């Protein structure tokens, strides 16, 4: 499957307007997380566990805030 087809499939799994990034946990897809910098390994693991914890709440649908920082690309 090519990238466009895979992206279209992922976006179709989110029941709201959105784009990428998309995170799929089990059978549920979510828009996000949107990050302004690349987390280190420990932060990445904490983020993954947090996303999995939210997935266990049957009524959970979305969480959002404004960006608190500009995008850091490492350049």
C-alpha atoms as a PDB file:
ATOM      1  CA  UNK A   1       0.000   0.000   0.000  1.00  0.00           C
ATOM      2  CA  UNK A   2       1.456   3.400  -0.898  1.00  0.00           C
ATOM      3  CA  UNK A   3       1.811   6.347   1.476  1.00  0.00           C
ATOM      4  CA  UNK A   4      -1.235   8.235   0.153  1.00  0.00           C
ATOM      5  CA  UNK A   5      -3.478   5.196   0.529  1.00  0.00           C
ATOM      6  CA  UNK A   6      -2.171   4.488   4.046  1.00  0.00           C
ATOM      7  CA  UNK A   7      -2.676   8.131   5.059  1.00  0.00           C
ATOM      8  CA  UNK A   8      -6.214   8.162   3.637  1.00  0.00           C
ATOM      9  CA  UNK A   9      -6.999   4.969   5.568  1.00  0.00           C
ATOM     10  CA  UNK A  10      -5.629   6.469   8.802  1.00  0.00           C
ATOM     11  CA  UNK A  11      -7.497   9.783   8.380  1.00  0.00           C
ATOM     12  CA  UNK A  12     -10.729   7.888   7.667  1.00  0.00           C
ATOM     13  CA  UNK A  13     -10.350   6.209  11.063  1.00  0.00           C
ATOM     14  CA  UNK A  14     -10.621   9.533  12.898  1.00  0.00           C
ATOM     15  CA  UNK A  15     -14.253  10.518  13.389  1.00  0.00           C
ATOM     16  CA  UNK A  16     -13.538  14.257  13.242  1.00  0.00           C
ATOM     17  CA  UNK A  17     -11.905  16.808  10.987  1.00  0.00           C
ATOM     18  CA  UNK A  18      -8.165  16.475  11.175  1.00  0.00           C
ATOM     19  CA  UNK A  19      -5.055  15.536   9.387  1.00  0.00           C
ATOM     20  CA  UNK A  20      -1.803  14.070  10.526  1.00  0.00           C
ATOM     21  CA  UNK A  21      -0.319  12.970  12.885  1.00  0.00           C
ATOM     22  CA  UNK A  22      -2.676  10.125  13.692  1.00  0.00           C
ATOM     23  CA  UNK A  23      -2.147   7.632  16.486  1.00  0.00           C
ATOM     24  CA  UNK A  24      -4.031   4.339  16.424  1.00  0.00           C
ATOM     25  CA  UNK A  25      -4.447   2.503  19.713  1.00  0.00           C
ATOM     26  CA  UNK A  26      -6.365  -0.735  19.338  1.00  0.00           C
ATOM     27  CA  UNK A  27      -9.287  -0.075  17.021  1.00  0.00           C
ATOM     28  CA  UNK A  28      -9.459   3.657  17.761  1.00  0.00           C
ATOM     29  CA  UNK A  29      -7.606   6.368  15.858  1.00  0.00           C
ATOM     30  CA  UNK A  30      -6.896   9.829  17.248  1.00  0.00           C
ATOM     31  CA  UNK A  31      -5.544  13.005  15.723  1.00  0.00           C
ATOM     32  CA  UNK A  32      -2.273  13.756  17.477  1.00  0.00           C
ATOM     33  CA  UNK A  33      -0.239  14.081  19.469  1.00  0.00           C
ATOM     34  CA  UNK A  34       1.139  17.329  18.085  1.00  0.00           C
ATOM     35  CA  UNK A  35       4.618  17.992  19.469  1.00  0.00           C
ATOM     36  CA  UNK A  36       6.859  21.023  19.047  1.00  0.00           C
ATOM     37  CA  UNK A  37      10.052  19.019  19.611  1.00  0.00           C
ATOM     38  CA  UNK A  38      11.170  15.407  19.561  1.00  0.00           C
ATOM     39  CA  UNK A  39      10.883  13.891  23.037  1.00  0.00           C
ATOM     40  CA  UNK A  40      13.736  11.895  24.530  1.00  0.00           C
ATOM     41  CA  UNK A  41      13.287   8.171  25.136  1.00  0.00           C
ATOM     42  CA  UNK A  42      11.868   8.517  28.666  1.00  0.00           C
ATOM     43  CA  UNK A  43       9.436  11.251  27.574  1.00  0.00           C
ATOM     44  CA  UNK A  44       8.352   9.114  24.607  1.00  0.00           C
ATOM     45  CA  UNK A  45       7.596   6.163  26.857  1.00  0.00           C
ATOM     46  CA  UNK A  46       5.620   8.366  29.286  1.00  0.00           C
ATOM     47  CA  UNK A  47       3.666   9.852  26.370  1.00  0.00           C
ATOM     48  CA  UNK A  48       2.843   6.393  24.990  1.00  0.00           C
ATOM     49  CA  UNK A  49       1.662   5.180  28.410  1.00  0.00           C
ATOM     50  CA  UNK A  50      -0.459   8.322  28.832  1.00  0.00           C
ATOM     51  CA  UNK A  51      -2.136   7.795  25.450  1.00  0.00           C
ATOM     52  CA  UNK A  52      -2.823   4.159  26.307  1.00  0.00           C
ATOM     53  CA  UNK A  53      -4.307   5.204  29.663  1.00  0.00           C
ATOM     54  CA  UNK A  54      -6.703   7.625  27.968  1.00  0.00           C
ATOM     55  CA  UNK A  55      -7.816   4.843  25.628  1.00  0.00           C
ATOM     56  CA  UNK A  56      -9.096   2.822  28.614  1.00  0.00           C
ATOM     57  CA  UNK A  57     -11.758   5.469  29.369  1.00  0.00           C
ATOM     58  CA  UNK A  58     -14.830   4.519  27.283  1.00  0.00           C
ATOM     59  CA  UNK A  59     -16.064   8.098  26.786  1.00  0.00           C
ATOM     60  CA  UNK A  60     -12.687   9.628  25.927  1.00  0.00           C
ATOM     61  CA  UNK A  61     -12.760  11.383  22.561  1.00  0.00           C
ATOM     62  CA  UNK A  62     -10.345  14.305  22.410  1.00  0.00           C
ATOM     63  CA  UNK A  63      -7.962  16.609  24.232  1.00  0.00           C
ATOM     64  CA  UNK A  64      -6.432  19.816  22.878  1.00  0.00           C
ATOM     65  CA  UNK A  65      -4.612  23.002  23.814  1.00  0.00           C
ATOM     66  CA  UNK A  66      -2.771  25.778  22.022  1.00  0.00           C
ATOM     67  CA  UNK A  67       0.897  25.425  21.210  1.00  0.00           C
ATOM     68  CA  UNK A  68       3.009  26.817  24.007  1.00  0.00           C
ATOM     69  CA  UNK A  69       6.211  26.873  22.006  1.00  0.00           C
ATOM     70  CA  UNK A  70       7.417  27.235  18.455  1.00  0.00           C
ATOM     71  CA  UNK A  71       8.410  24.202  16.416  1.00  0.00           C
ATOM     72  CA  UNK A  72      11.949  22.972  17.106  1.00  0.00           C
ATOM     73  CA  UNK A  73      13.431  21.146  14.125  1.00  0.00           C
ATOM     74  CA  UNK A  74      16.924  20.612  15.522  1.00  0.00           C
ATOM     75  CA  UNK A  75      18.517  22.835  12.907  1.00  0.00           C
END
